[in-house]
Amino acid sequence: MDIWFYVGIGLILWAIKDLFMGYTYLWEPVARDENPGLYWFTLAVWSLIGIGTMGYSMGYL
């Protein structure tokens, strides 16, 4: 495992925290109540990048 494995874990933990908090950051705060489409899209992107980074680091991708 290299540093990118831990970067992937960090991104996934960030997405989980955002899921519980109800807001995330892109260029500015994005609240689930105010802009649900952008919120869920941003959460999906953070999660996919985290999973992809971990998968690449472990040799699966």
C-alpha atoms as a PDB file:
ATOM      1  CA  MET A   1       0.000   0.000   0.000  1.00  0.00           C
ATOM      2  CA  ASP A   2       1.201   3.469  -0.807  1.00  0.00           C
ATOM      3  CA  ILE A   3       0.105   6.969   0.109  1.00  0.00           C
ATOM      4  CA  TRP A   4      -2.737   6.904  -2.434  1.00  0.00           C
ATOM      5  CA  PHE A   5      -4.501   4.167  -0.497  1.00  0.00           C
ATOM      6  CA  TYR A   6      -4.728   6.517   2.472  1.00  0.00           C
ATOM      7  CA  VAL A   7      -5.782   9.417   0.258  1.00  0.00           C
ATOM      8  CA  GLY A   8      -8.663   7.219  -0.958  1.00  0.00           C
ATOM      9  CA  ILE A   9      -9.649   6.396   2.609  1.00  0.00           C
ATOM     10  CA  GLY A  10      -9.563  10.107   3.444  1.00  0.00           C
ATOM     11  CA  LEU A  11     -11.857  10.943   0.526  1.00  0.00           C
ATOM     12  CA  ILE A  12     -14.339   8.243   1.508  1.00  0.00           C
ATOM     13  CA  LEU A  13     -14.329   9.421   5.126  1.00  0.00           C
ATOM     14  CA  TRP A  14     -14.895  12.958   3.864  1.00  0.00           C
ATOM     15  CA  ALA A  15     -17.905  11.797   1.849  1.00  0.00           C
ATOM     16  CA  ILE A  16     -19.315   9.920   4.875  1.00  0.00           C
ATOM     17  CA  LYS A  17     -18.891  13.025   7.057  1.00  0.00           C
ATOM     18  CA  ASP A  18     -20.644  15.140   4.429  1.00  0.00           C
ATOM     19  CA  LEU A  19     -23.470  12.622   4.284  1.00  0.00           C
ATOM     20  CA  PHE A  20     -24.126  13.011   8.002  1.00  0.00           C
ATOM     21  CA  MET A  21     -23.563  16.792   8.101  1.00  0.00           C
ATOM     22  CA  GLY A  22     -25.875  17.611   5.187  1.00  0.00           C
ATOM     23  CA  TYR A  23     -23.469  19.846   3.305  1.00  0.00           C
ATOM     24  CA  THR A  24     -20.282  19.501   1.302  1.00  0.00           C
ATOM     25  CA  TYR A  25     -17.757  21.748  -0.400  1.00  0.00           C
ATOM     26  CA  LEU A  26     -17.071  22.148  -4.079  1.00  0.00           C
ATOM     27  CA  TRP A  27     -15.943  25.739  -4.650  1.00  0.00           C
ATOM     28  CA  GLU A  28     -18.368  26.899  -2.013  1.00  0.00           C
ATOM     29  CA  PRO A  29     -20.572  25.114   0.524  1.00  0.00           C
ATOM     30  CA  VAL A  30     -23.350  23.046  -1.067  1.00  0.00           C
ATOM     31  CA  ALA A  31     -26.265  22.238   1.237  1.00  0.00           C
ATOM     32  CA  ARG A  32     -28.474  19.192   0.724  1.00  0.00           C
ATOM     33  CA  ASP A  33     -31.617  21.232   1.457  1.00  0.00           C
ATOM     34  CA  GLU A  34     -30.792  24.085  -0.933  1.00  0.00           C
ATOM     35  CA  ASN A  35     -29.342  22.223  -3.919  1.00  0.00           C
ATOM     36  CA  PRO A  36     -29.914  18.464  -3.628  1.00  0.00           C
ATOM     37  CA  GLY A  37     -28.839  17.599  -7.184  1.00  0.00           C
ATOM     38  CA  LEU A  38     -25.406  19.208  -6.884  1.00  0.00           C
ATOM     39  CA  TYR A  39     -25.012  17.857  -3.348  1.00  0.00           C
ATOM     40  CA  TRP A  40     -25.581  14.225  -4.367  1.00  0.00           C
ATOM     41  CA  PHE A  41     -23.482  14.621  -7.508  1.00  0.00           C
ATOM     42  CA  THR A  42     -20.584  16.010  -5.469  1.00  0.00           C
ATOM     43  CA  LEU A  43     -20.884  13.220  -2.904  1.00  0.00           C
ATOM     44  CA  ALA A  44     -20.915  10.615  -5.680  1.00  0.00           C
ATOM     45  CA  VAL A  45     -17.805  12.133  -7.274  1.00  0.00           C
ATOM     46  CA  TRP A  46     -15.877  12.217  -3.968  1.00  0.00           C
ATOM     47  CA  SER A  47     -16.875   8.599  -3.279  1.00  0.00           C
ATOM     48  CA  LEU A  48     -15.955   7.363  -6.757  1.00  0.00           C
ATOM     49  CA  ILE A  49     -12.602   9.133  -6.697  1.00  0.00           C
ATOM     50  CA  GLY A  50     -11.900   7.647  -3.254  1.00  0.00           C
ATOM     51  CA  ILE A  51     -12.852   4.126  -4.317  1.00  0.00           C
ATOM     52  CA  GLY A  52     -10.928   4.476  -7.579  1.00  0.00           C
ATOM     53  CA  THR A  53      -7.835   5.757  -5.811  1.00  0.00           C
ATOM     54  CA  MET A  54      -7.918   2.860  -3.342  1.00  0.00           C
ATOM     55  CA  GLY A  55      -8.545   0.330  -6.120  1.00  0.00           C
ATOM     56  CA  TYR A  56      -5.689   1.678  -8.225  1.00  0.00           C
ATOM     57  CA  SER A  57      -3.362   1.668  -5.210  1.00  0.00           C
ATOM     58  CA  MET A  58      -4.139  -2.000  -4.482  1.00  0.00           C
ATOM     59  CA  GLY A  59      -3.716  -3.003  -8.125  1.00  0.00           C
ATOM     60  CA  TYR A  60      -7.337  -3.697  -8.963  1.00  0.00           C
ATOM     61  CA  LEU A  61      -7.619  -0.961 -11.612  1.00  0.00           C
END
